[in-house]
Amino acid sequence: MTVQQQLSAYTREPDNLRAIRYRTSGNGHGSIVRLMSPSDLGQLIKPFVFLDLFEGEASFINRMPMHPHSGIATVTLITEGNLRFEDADSGKGMIDYGGVEWMRAGGGVWHGKEMSVGTSQRIQGFQLWVALPPELENGSVDSQYLESGAMPEVGPARVILGVHQGVQSPVRAPAGMNYLLVTLSLGETWTYTPPEGHESLWLSVSRGLLAAPDLVSAGEMAVFEPGNSAVTLKALREDTVFVIGSAQPHPYELALGNYSVHTNPQALREGEAKIAEIGVRLREYLQKSDGAAVPVFK
């Protein structure tokens, strides 16, 4: 049966009436495809404001430069291969499929060298930014490195952020948002019912082909119409892998810097000033370091 025949056979149930509003294949930058930025789709589904899909030879991770953030948290999720992490507080370990680095930048941080090549030749995954609420956007930095075994599962879904069917993620994220990693076998269907108030809903496929009910291919991101109804999804290829996120709307305008997202211009100025101050100390540190892994610098 062809993909189109499979799709035609996929009956629209009432839960499938939540239409896809926007879709994108993003813009490629070498091993990285930018699917969403705070200035485009991030305006529609905030607190989710940025999404990269990265894929390629694992060595590209060594070319990642140190860079700053403030006002956001980053969630780096591995969907293929593995990376090593090294952190003074968390120790050393390996993040593979379903493993996560959570980094709450708060008032300011530099990072980019705390993870390095693991044992796999290739790597694939997503990096997501979430905008922080006012009480956290200029607050302290918080980092977690969670190996895949630490991430709870509900059926085919791993709970990366939030609570799904009563199962809580160990990531110390603000309440009001869910982020799941799902793998479906060919022909398998799965229904996601967002928690009450989660009006923002989106997904992105890293491998395979998904009927949502419209087709969403590997490398695409789809944003659903606002609402609270469920969606039923079906895999049209073996081992279809995707992430799906839902959230209560972020009720603030986005004040944007080069690497920062805040709720107002004053908070942004404070964050960028802190970033500049940390940058001075980071340059001094790098002059004395031996070129090994650099911890999240705060």
C-alpha atoms as a PDB file:
ATOM      1  CA  MET A   1       0.000   0.000   0.000  1.00  0.00           C
ATOM      2  CA  THR A   2       1.343   3.427  -0.912  1.00  0.00           C
ATOM      3  CA  VAL A   3       1.644   6.259   1.599  1.00  0.00           C
ATOM      4  CA  GLN A   4      -1.273   8.069  -0.044  1.00  0.00           C
ATOM      5  CA  GLN A   5      -3.424   4.937   0.175  1.00  0.00           C
ATOM      6  CA  GLN A   6      -2.496   4.561   3.849  1.00  0.00           C
ATOM      7  CA  LEU A   7      -3.429   8.175   4.463  1.00  0.00           C
ATOM      8  CA  SER A   8      -6.765   7.757   2.673  1.00  0.00           C
ATOM      9  CA  ALA A   9      -7.479   4.750   4.870  1.00  0.00           C
ATOM     10  CA  TYR A  10      -6.809   6.813   7.981  1.00  0.00           C
ATOM     11  CA  THR A  11     -10.303   7.773   9.096  1.00  0.00           C
ATOM     12  CA  ARG A  12     -10.834  11.237  10.552  1.00  0.00           C
ATOM     13  CA  GLU A  13     -12.208  10.716  14.012  1.00  0.00           C
ATOM     14  CA  PRO A  14     -13.618  13.693  15.965  1.00  0.00           C
ATOM     15  CA  ASP A  15     -10.308  14.093  17.807  1.00  0.00           C
ATOM     16  CA  ASN A  16      -8.513  14.571  14.475  1.00  0.00           C
ATOM     17  CA  LEU A  17     -10.370  17.763  13.542  1.00  0.00           C
ATOM     18  CA  ARG A  18      -7.714  20.011  15.067  1.00  0.00           C
ATOM     19  CA  ALA A  19      -6.108  21.314  11.906  1.00  0.00           C
ATOM     20  CA  ILE A  20      -2.479  22.122  11.233  1.00  0.00           C
ATOM     21  CA  ARG A  21      -2.186  25.907  10.983  1.00  0.00           C
ATOM     22  CA  TYR A  22       1.445  26.278   9.927  1.00  0.00           C
ATOM     23  CA  ARG A  23       4.182  23.936   8.772  1.00  0.00           C
ATOM     24  CA  THR A  24       7.826  24.440   7.917  1.00  0.00           C
ATOM     25  CA  SER A  25      10.972  22.592   6.885  1.00  0.00           C
ATOM     26  CA  GLY A  26      13.073  25.421   8.305  1.00  0.00           C
ATOM     27  CA  ASN A  27      16.386  26.736   7.059  1.00  0.00           C
ATOM     28  CA  GLY A  28      19.550  24.652   7.025  1.00  0.00           C
ATOM     29  CA  HIS A  29      22.902  25.727   8.447  1.00  0.00           C
ATOM     30  CA  GLY A  30      25.248  22.767   7.894  1.00  0.00           C
ATOM     31  CA  SER A  31      24.296  20.062  10.376  1.00  0.00           C
ATOM     32  CA  ILE A  32      21.592  22.279  11.917  1.00  0.00           C
ATOM     33  CA  VAL A  33      18.112  23.084  10.579  1.00  0.00           C
ATOM     34  CA  ARG A  34      16.396  26.008  12.264  1.00  0.00           C
ATOM     35  CA  LEU A  35      12.681  25.182  12.416  1.00  0.00           C
ATOM     36  CA  MET A  36      11.481  27.994  14.663  1.00  0.00           C
ATOM     37  CA  SER A  37      12.803  31.305  15.979  1.00  0.00           C
ATOM     38  CA  PRO A  38      11.396  33.779  18.524  1.00  0.00           C
ATOM     39  CA  SER A  39      10.657  36.228  15.697  1.00  0.00           C
ATOM     40  CA  ASP A  40       8.461  33.824  13.688  1.00  0.00           C
ATOM     41  CA  LEU A  41       6.589  30.725  14.921  1.00  0.00           C
ATOM     42  CA  GLY A  42       7.841  31.368  18.443  1.00  0.00           C
ATOM     43  CA  GLN A  43       5.441  34.308  18.593  1.00  0.00           C
ATOM     44  CA  LEU A  44       2.534  31.912  18.044  1.00  0.00           C
ATOM     45  CA  ILE A  45       3.355  29.071  20.428  1.00  0.00           C
ATOM     46  CA  LYS A  46       5.339  30.790  23.205  1.00  0.00           C
ATOM     47  CA  PRO A  47       6.648  29.767  25.752  1.00  0.00           C
ATOM     48  CA  PHE A  48       8.153  27.506  23.034  1.00  0.00           C
ATOM     49  CA  VAL A  49      10.207  30.054  21.096  1.00  0.00           C
ATOM     50  CA  PHE A  50      13.023  28.270  19.240  1.00  0.00           C
ATOM     51  CA  LEU A  51      13.630  24.815  17.756  1.00  0.00           C
ATOM     52  CA  ASP A  52      16.670  23.371  15.972  1.00  0.00           C
ATOM     53  CA  LEU A  53      16.938  19.880  14.491  1.00  0.00           C
ATOM     54  CA  PHE A  54      20.582  18.814  14.367  1.00  0.00           C
ATOM     55  CA  GLU A  55      21.874  15.799  12.474  1.00  0.00           C
ATOM     56  CA  GLY A  56      25.182  14.702  11.033  1.00  0.00           C
ATOM     57  CA  GLU A  57      28.649  13.464  11.860  1.00  0.00           C
ATOM     58  CA  ALA A  58      29.048  13.654  15.623  1.00  0.00           C
ATOM     59  CA  SER A  59      32.262  15.639  15.245  1.00  0.00           C
ATOM     60  CA  PHE A  60      30.266  18.788  14.443  1.00  0.00           C
ATOM     61  CA  ILE A  61      29.572  19.149  18.166  1.00  0.00           C
ATOM     62  CA  ASN A  62      33.269  19.956  18.681  1.00  0.00           C
ATOM     63  CA  ARG A  63      32.881  23.014  16.453  1.00  0.00           C
ATOM     64  CA  MET A  64      30.110  24.521  18.553  1.00  0.00           C
ATOM     65  CA  PRO A  65      31.354  27.823  19.994  1.00  0.00           C
ATOM     66  CA  MET A  66      30.754  29.083  23.495  1.00  0.00           C
ATOM     67  CA  HIS A  67      27.744  31.403  23.396  1.00  0.00           C
ATOM     68  CA  PRO A  68      25.525  33.255  25.888  1.00  0.00           C
ATOM     69  CA  HIS A  69      21.847  33.110  26.886  1.00  0.00           C
ATOM     70  CA  SER A  70      19.519  34.864  29.284  1.00  0.00           C
ATOM     71  CA  GLY A  71      15.794  34.765  29.963  1.00  0.00           C
ATOM     72  CA  ILE A  72      15.297  31.255  28.573  1.00  0.00           C
ATOM     73  CA  ALA A  73      15.915  27.584  29.249  1.00  0.00           C
ATOM     74  CA  THR A  74      17.400  25.268  26.619  1.00  0.00           C
ATOM     75  CA  VAL A  75      16.415  21.618  26.275  1.00  0.00           C
ATOM     76  CA  THR A  76      18.815  19.448  24.256  1.00  0.00           C
ATOM     77  CA  LEU A  77      17.251  16.073  23.439  1.00  0.00           C
ATOM     78  CA  ILE A  78      19.029  13.192  21.681  1.00  0.00           C
ATOM     79  CA  THR A  79      17.078  11.081  19.168  1.00  0.00           C
ATOM     80  CA  GLU A  80      19.981   9.135  17.629  1.00  0.00           C
ATOM     81  CA  GLY A  81      23.564   8.465  18.715  1.00  0.00           C
ATOM     82  CA  ASN A  82      25.058   9.803  21.929  1.00  0.00           C
ATOM     83  CA  LEU A  83      27.036  12.638  23.489  1.00  0.00           C
ATOM     84  CA  ARG A  84      29.216  12.834  26.574  1.00  0.00           C
ATOM     85  CA  PHE A  85      28.661  15.399  29.275  1.00  0.00           C
ATOM     86  CA  GLU A  86      31.010  16.673  31.930  1.00  0.00           C
ATOM     87  CA  ASP A  87      29.904  18.988  34.724  1.00  0.00           C
ATOM     88  CA  ALA A  88      31.326  19.832  38.133  1.00  0.00           C
ATOM     89  CA  ASP A  89      27.976  19.271  39.863  1.00  0.00           C
ATOM     90  CA  SER A  90      26.568  16.421  37.761  1.00  0.00           C
ATOM     91  CA  GLY A  91      29.755  14.476  37.064  1.00  0.00           C
ATOM     92  CA  LYS A  92      30.358  12.649  33.778  1.00  0.00           C
ATOM     93  CA  GLY A  93      28.079  10.485  31.712  1.00  0.00           C
ATOM     94  CA  MET A  94      26.504   9.716  28.364  1.00  0.00           C
ATOM     95  CA  ILE A  95      23.255  11.020  26.890  1.00  0.00           C
ATOM     96  CA  ASP A  96      21.698   8.853  24.175  1.00  0.00           C
ATOM     97  CA  TYR A  97      18.155   8.362  22.788  1.00  0.00           C
ATOM     98  CA  GLY A  98      15.751  10.131  25.121  1.00  0.00           C
ATOM     99  CA  GLY A  99      18.509  11.660  27.242  1.00  0.00           C
ATOM    100  CA  VAL A 100      18.354  15.366  28.026  1.00  0.00           C
ATOM    101  CA  GLU A 101      20.433  18.391  28.914  1.00  0.00           C
ATOM    102  CA  TRP A 102      18.308  21.040  30.636  1.00  0.00           C
ATOM    103  CA  MET A 103      19.945  24.429  31.098  1.00  0.00           C
ATOM    104  CA  ARG A 104      18.000  27.288  32.657  1.00  0.00           C
ATOM    105  CA  ALA A 105      19.960  30.369  31.689  1.00  0.00           C
ATOM    106  CA  GLY A 106      18.062  32.755  33.961  1.00  0.00           C
ATOM    107  CA  GLY A 107      19.913  36.042  34.335  1.00  0.00           C
ATOM    108  CA  GLY A 108      22.871  35.012  32.220  1.00  0.00           C
ATOM    109  CA  VAL A 109      25.125  32.137  31.234  1.00  0.00           C
ATOM    110  CA  TRP A 110      27.660  31.039  28.597  1.00  0.00           C
ATOM    111  CA  HIS A 111      27.729  27.448  27.371  1.00  0.00           C
ATOM    112  CA  GLY A 112      28.446  25.240  24.355  1.00  0.00           C
ATOM    113  CA  LYS A 113      31.426  23.119  25.441  1.00  0.00           C
ATOM    114  CA  GLU A 114      29.952  21.063  28.278  1.00  0.00           C
ATOM    115  CA  MET A 115      29.056  18.207  25.885  1.00  0.00           C
ATOM    116  CA  SER A 116      31.375  16.411  23.486  1.00  0.00           C
ATOM    117  CA  VAL A 117      31.480  13.514  21.030  1.00  0.00           C
ATOM    118  CA  GLY A 118      30.415  10.172  22.455  1.00  0.00           C
ATOM    119  CA  THR A 119      30.847   6.700  20.943  1.00  0.00           C
ATOM    120  CA  SER A 120      28.544   7.137  17.937  1.00  0.00           C
ATOM    121  CA  GLN A 121      29.707   8.403  14.563  1.00  0.00           C
ATOM    122  CA  ARG A 122      26.430  10.210  13.931  1.00  0.00           C
ATOM    123  CA  ILE A 123      24.178  12.274  16.142  1.00  0.00           C
ATOM    124  CA  GLN A 124      20.628  13.570  15.844  1.00  0.00           C
ATOM    125  CA  GLY A 125      18.442  15.536  18.180  1.00  0.00           C
ATOM    126  CA  PHE A 126      16.505  18.692  18.935  1.00  0.00           C
ATOM    127  CA  GLN A 127      17.368  21.838  20.813  1.00  0.00           C
ATOM    128  CA  LEU A 128      14.350  23.696  22.143  1.00  0.00           C
ATOM    129  CA  TRP A 129      14.238  27.081  23.893  1.00  0.00           C
ATOM    130  CA  VAL A 130      11.447  27.938  26.299  1.00  0.00           C
ATOM    131  CA  ALA A 131      10.779  31.479  27.486  1.00  0.00           C
ATOM    132  CA  LEU A 132      10.908  31.844  31.264  1.00  0.00           C
ATOM    133  CA  PRO A 133       8.331  33.654  33.407  1.00  0.00           C
ATOM    134  CA  PRO A 134       9.282  36.951  35.126  1.00  0.00           C
ATOM    135  CA  GLU A 135      10.213  35.304  38.430  1.00  0.00           C
ATOM    136  CA  LEU A 136      12.863  33.152  36.676  1.00  0.00           C
ATOM    137  CA  GLU A 137      14.037  35.164  33.659  1.00  0.00           C
ATOM    138  CA  ASN A 138      16.758  37.027  35.581  1.00  0.00           C
ATOM    139  CA  GLY A 139      17.227  34.403  38.269  1.00  0.00           C
ATOM    140  CA  SER A 140      19.821  31.735  38.944  1.00  0.00           C
ATOM    141  CA  VAL A 141      21.222  29.192  36.491  1.00  0.00           C
ATOM    142  CA  ASP A 142      20.102  25.571  36.775  1.00  0.00           C
ATOM    143  CA  SER A 143      21.598  22.652  34.822  1.00  0.00           C
ATOM    144  CA  GLN A 144      20.594  18.988  34.650  1.00  0.00           C
ATOM    145  CA  TYR A 145      22.027  16.105  32.629  1.00  0.00           C
ATOM    146  CA  LEU A 146      19.614  13.192  32.537  1.00  0.00           C
ATOM    147  CA  GLU A 147      20.584   9.894  30.954  1.00  0.00           C
ATOM    148  CA  SER A 148      17.870   8.054  29.054  1.00  0.00           C
ATOM    149  CA  GLY A 149      17.139   5.652  31.894  1.00  0.00           C
ATOM    150  CA  ALA A 150      16.114   8.562  34.107  1.00  0.00           C
ATOM    151  CA  MET A 151      13.366   9.719  31.744  1.00  0.00           C
ATOM    152  CA  PRO A 152       9.936   8.203  32.523  1.00  0.00           C
ATOM    153  CA  GLU A 153       7.839   6.536  29.821  1.00  0.00           C
ATOM    154  CA  VAL A 154       4.092   6.365  29.257  1.00  0.00           C
ATOM    155  CA  GLY A 155       3.369   3.969  26.403  1.00  0.00           C
ATOM    156  CA  PRO A 156       5.423   5.088  23.386  1.00  0.00           C
ATOM    157  CA  ALA A 157       6.124   8.521  24.905  1.00  0.00           C
ATOM    158  CA  ARG A 158       9.009   9.705  27.064  1.00  0.00           C
ATOM    159  CA  VAL A 159       8.074  12.596  29.329  1.00  0.00           C
ATOM    160  CA  ILE A 160      10.783  15.196  28.732  1.00  0.00           C
ATOM    161  CA  LEU A 161       9.052  18.190  30.343  1.00  0.00           C
ATOM    162  CA  GLY A 162       5.905  18.454  32.418  1.00  0.00           C
ATOM    163  CA  VAL A 163       3.329  15.838  33.388  1.00  0.00           C
ATOM    164  CA  HIS A 164       1.693  13.311  31.056  1.00  0.00           C
ATOM    165  CA  GLN A 165      -1.018  10.935  32.280  1.00  0.00           C
ATOM    166  CA  GLY A 166       0.065  11.493  35.854  1.00  0.00           C
ATOM    167  CA  VAL A 167       3.766  10.862  35.190  1.00  0.00           C
ATOM    168  CA  GLN A 168       6.116  13.724  36.074  1.00  0.00           C
ATOM    169  CA  SER A 169       9.359  14.518  34.257  1.00  0.00           C
ATOM    170  CA  PRO A 170      12.423  14.877  36.520  1.00  0.00           C
ATOM    171  CA  VAL A 171      13.427  18.053  34.645  1.00  0.00           C
ATOM    172  CA  ARG A 172      13.055  21.128  36.855  1.00  0.00           C
ATOM    173  CA  ALA A 173      11.020  23.091  34.316  1.00  0.00           C
ATOM    174  CA  PRO A 174       8.321  25.675  35.093  1.00  0.00           C
ATOM    175  CA  ALA A 175       4.789  24.317  35.269  1.00  0.00           C
ATOM    176  CA  GLY A 176       2.346  24.702  32.416  1.00  0.00           C
ATOM    177  CA  MET A 177       4.200  23.004  29.571  1.00  0.00           C
ATOM    178  CA  ASN A 178       4.638  19.463  28.263  1.00  0.00           C
ATOM    179  CA  TYR A 179       7.290  18.148  25.880  1.00  0.00           C
ATOM    180  CA  LEU A 180       7.278  14.479  24.861  1.00  0.00           C
ATOM    181  CA  LEU A 181       9.462  12.245  22.684  1.00  0.00           C
ATOM    182  CA  VAL A 182       7.420   9.573  20.892  1.00  0.00           C
ATOM    183  CA  THR A 183       8.400   6.554  18.777  1.00  0.00           C
ATOM    184  CA  LEU A 184       5.697   4.675  16.841  1.00  0.00           C
ATOM    185  CA  SER A 185       5.938   1.482  14.800  1.00  0.00           C
ATOM    186  CA  LEU A 186       4.514   1.312  11.286  1.00  0.00           C
ATOM    187  CA  GLY A 187       0.713   1.560  11.482  1.00  0.00           C
ATOM    188  CA  GLU A 188       0.668   2.351  15.203  1.00  0.00           C
ATOM    189  CA  THR A 189      -1.621   5.157  16.362  1.00  0.00           C
ATOM    190  CA  TRP A 190      -1.280   7.346  19.437  1.00  0.00           C
ATOM    191  CA  THR A 191      -3.546  10.018  20.860  1.00  0.00           C
ATOM    192  CA  TYR A 192      -2.296  13.029  22.771  1.00  0.00           C
ATOM    193  CA  THR A 193      -4.764  14.873  24.984  1.00  0.00           C
ATOM    194  CA  PRO A 194      -3.289  18.194  26.156  1.00  0.00           C
ATOM    195  CA  PRO A 195      -3.845  19.168  29.796  1.00  0.00           C
ATOM    196  CA  GLU A 196      -6.515  21.766  30.439  1.00  0.00           C
ATOM    197  CA  GLY A 197      -5.348  25.226  29.399  1.00  0.00           C
ATOM    198  CA  HIS A 198      -2.624  23.965  27.043  1.00  0.00           C
ATOM    199  CA  GLU A 199      -3.818  25.916  24.003  1.00  0.00           C
ATOM    200  CA  SER A 200      -0.471  25.821  22.141  1.00  0.00           C
ATOM    201  CA  LEU A 201       0.288  22.543  20.354  1.00  0.00           C
ATOM    202  CA  TRP A 202       3.007  21.590  17.868  1.00  0.00           C
ATOM    203  CA  LEU A 203       5.130  18.635  16.765  1.00  0.00           C
ATOM    204  CA  SER A 204       8.250  17.929  14.732  1.00  0.00           C
ATOM    205  CA  VAL A 205       9.313  14.655  13.096  1.00  0.00           C
ATOM    206  CA  SER A 206      12.966  13.611  13.143  1.00  0.00           C
ATOM    207  CA  ARG A 207      12.550  10.224  11.459  1.00  0.00           C
ATOM    208  CA  GLY A 208       9.773   8.497   9.511  1.00  0.00           C
ATOM    209  CA  LEU A 209       6.390   9.816   8.375  1.00  0.00           C
ATOM    210  CA  LEU A 210       3.396  10.831  10.456  1.00  0.00           C
ATOM    211  CA  ALA A 211      -0.288  11.295   9.640  1.00  0.00           C
ATOM    212  CA  ALA A 212      -1.584  14.118  11.810  1.00  0.00           C
ATOM    213  CA  PRO A 213      -3.937  13.524   9.849  1.00  0.00           C
ATOM    214  CA  ASP A 214      -2.144  15.603   7.180  1.00  0.00           C
ATOM    215  CA  LEU A 215       1.274  14.180   6.366  1.00  0.00           C
ATOM    216  CA  VAL A 216       4.237  15.478   8.383  1.00  0.00           C
ATOM    217  CA  SER A 217       7.580  14.255   7.049  1.00  0.00           C
ATOM    218  CA  ALA A 218      10.977  13.902   8.694  1.00  0.00           C
ATOM    219  CA  GLY A 219      12.538  17.336   9.114  1.00  0.00           C
ATOM    220  CA  GLU A 220       9.212  19.175   9.304  1.00  0.00           C
ATOM    221  CA  MET A 221       7.557  21.092  12.122  1.00  0.00           C
ATOM    222  CA  ALA A 222       3.763  21.493  12.304  1.00  0.00           C
ATOM    223  CA  VAL A 223       1.827  23.962  14.465  1.00  0.00           C
ATOM    224  CA  PHE A 224      -1.805  23.171  15.237  1.00  0.00           C
ATOM    225  CA  GLU A 225      -4.682  25.592  15.546  1.00  0.00           C
ATOM    226  CA  PRO A 226      -5.036  26.956  19.107  1.00  0.00           C
ATOM    227  CA  GLY A 227      -7.396  24.990  21.306  1.00  0.00           C
ATOM    228  CA  ASN A 228      -7.496  22.182  23.798  1.00  0.00           C
ATOM    229  CA  SER A 229      -8.737  19.184  21.818  1.00  0.00           C
ATOM    230  CA  ALA A 230      -6.772  15.976  21.384  1.00  0.00           C
ATOM    231  CA  VAL A 231      -4.910  14.838  18.281  1.00  0.00           C
ATOM    232  CA  THR A 232      -4.584  11.263  17.051  1.00  0.00           C
ATOM    233  CA  LEU A 233      -1.401  10.483  15.132  1.00  0.00           C
ATOM    234  CA  LYS A 234      -0.424   7.490  13.011  1.00  0.00           C
ATOM    235  CA  ALA A 235       3.005   6.286  11.873  1.00  0.00           C
ATOM    236  CA  LEU A 236       3.207   5.584   8.141  1.00  0.00           C
ATOM    237  CA  ARG A 237       6.796   4.337   8.290  1.00  0.00           C
ATOM    238  CA  GLU A 238       8.654   2.056  10.666  1.00  0.00           C
ATOM    239  CA  ASP A 239      10.107   3.686  13.787  1.00  0.00           C
ATOM    240  CA  THR A 240       8.637   7.133  13.257  1.00  0.00           C
ATOM    241  CA  VAL A 241      10.188   9.463  15.842  1.00  0.00           C
ATOM    242  CA  PHE A 242       8.790  12.867  16.760  1.00  0.00           C
ATOM    243  CA  VAL A 243       8.545  15.412  19.544  1.00  0.00           C
ATOM    244  CA  ILE A 244       5.296  17.054  20.562  1.00  0.00           C
ATOM    245  CA  GLY A 245       4.810  20.047  22.836  1.00  0.00           C
ATOM    246  CA  SER A 246       1.823  21.745  24.428  1.00  0.00           C
ATOM    247  CA  ALA A 247       1.596  24.643  26.856  1.00  0.00           C
ATOM    248  CA  GLN A 248      -0.425  27.322  28.486  1.00  0.00           C
ATOM    249  CA  PRO A 249       0.151  30.506  26.464  1.00  0.00           C
ATOM    250  CA  HIS A 250       3.033  32.719  27.602  1.00  0.00           C
ATOM    251  CA  PRO A 251       1.148  35.983  28.345  1.00  0.00           C
ATOM    252  CA  TYR A 252       4.071  38.356  27.721  1.00  0.00           C
ATOM    253  CA  GLU A 253       5.507  40.125  24.717  1.00  0.00           C
ATOM    254  CA  LEU A 254       8.926  38.842  23.697  1.00  0.00           C
ATOM    255  CA  ALA A 255      11.854  41.240  24.155  1.00  0.00           C
ATOM    256  CA  LEU A 256      14.540  39.786  21.892  1.00  0.00           C
ATOM    257  CA  GLY A 257      18.334  39.918  22.009  1.00  0.00           C
ATOM    258  CA  ASN A 258      20.799  37.939  19.899  1.00  0.00           C
ATOM    259  CA  TYR A 259      20.732  34.968  22.291  1.00  0.00           C
ATOM    260  CA  SER A 260      18.190  36.155  24.825  1.00  0.00           C
ATOM    261  CA  VAL A 261      14.419  36.282  25.204  1.00  0.00           C
ATOM    262  CA  HIS A 262      12.803  38.266  28.022  1.00  0.00           C
ATOM    263  CA  THR A 263       9.371  39.523  28.977  1.00  0.00           C
ATOM    264  CA  ASN A 264      10.266  43.231  28.796  1.00  0.00           C
ATOM    265  CA  PRO A 265      13.104  45.524  27.618  1.00  0.00           C
ATOM    266  CA  GLN A 266      14.415  46.234  31.138  1.00  0.00           C
ATOM    267  CA  ALA A 267      14.783  42.522  31.907  1.00  0.00           C
ATOM    268  CA  LEU A 268      16.575  42.100  28.569  1.00  0.00           C
ATOM    269  CA  ARG A 269      19.023  44.921  29.372  1.00  0.00           C
ATOM    270  CA  GLU A 270      19.774  43.315  32.739  1.00  0.00           C
ATOM    271  CA  GLY A 271      20.344  39.935  31.110  1.00  0.00           C
ATOM    272  CA  GLU A 272      22.642  41.297  28.420  1.00  0.00           C
ATOM    273  CA  ALA A 273      24.656  43.264  30.981  1.00  0.00           C
ATOM    274  CA  LYS A 274      25.127  40.089  33.024  1.00  0.00           C
ATOM    275  CA  ILE A 275      26.151  38.168  29.906  1.00  0.00           C
ATOM    276  CA  ALA A 276      28.822  40.782  29.147  1.00  0.00           C
ATOM    277  CA  GLU A 277      30.168  40.601  32.699  1.00  0.00           C
ATOM    278  CA  ILE A 278      30.335  36.785  32.606  1.00  0.00           C
ATOM    279  CA  GLY A 279      32.033  36.972  29.203  1.00  0.00           C
ATOM    280  CA  VAL A 280      34.957  38.879  30.686  1.00  0.00           C
ATOM    281  CA  ARG A 281      35.516  36.164  33.278  1.00  0.00           C
ATOM    282  CA  LEU A 282      35.077  33.437  30.657  1.00  0.00           C
ATOM    283  CA  ARG A 283      37.833  34.870  28.454  1.00  0.00           C
ATOM    284  CA  GLU A 284      40.169  34.930  31.442  1.00  0.00           C
ATOM    285  CA  TYR A 285      39.254  31.315  32.244  1.00  0.00           C
ATOM    286  CA  LEU A 286      39.844  30.148  28.663  1.00  0.00           C
ATOM    287  CA  GLN A 287      43.311  31.693  28.601  1.00  0.00           C
ATOM    288  CA  LYS A 288      44.267  29.458  31.524  1.00  0.00           C
ATOM    289  CA  SER A 289      42.357  26.281  30.561  1.00  0.00           C
ATOM    290  CA  ASP A 290      43.843  23.222  28.858  1.00  0.00           C
ATOM    291  CA  GLY A 291      41.244  23.109  26.062  1.00  0.00           C
ATOM    292  CA  ALA A 292      39.176  20.333  27.670  1.00  0.00           C
ATOM    293  CA  ALA A 293      35.433  20.504  28.279  1.00  0.00           C
ATOM    294  CA  VAL A 294      34.304  23.875  29.604  1.00  0.00           C
ATOM    295  CA  PRO A 295      31.500  23.796  32.156  1.00  0.00           C
ATOM    296  CA  VAL A 296      28.379  25.921  31.891  1.00  0.00           C
ATOM    297  CA  PHE A 297      29.860  29.292  32.833  1.00  0.00           C
ATOM    298  CA  LYS A 298      27.781  31.488  35.124  1.00  0.00           C
END
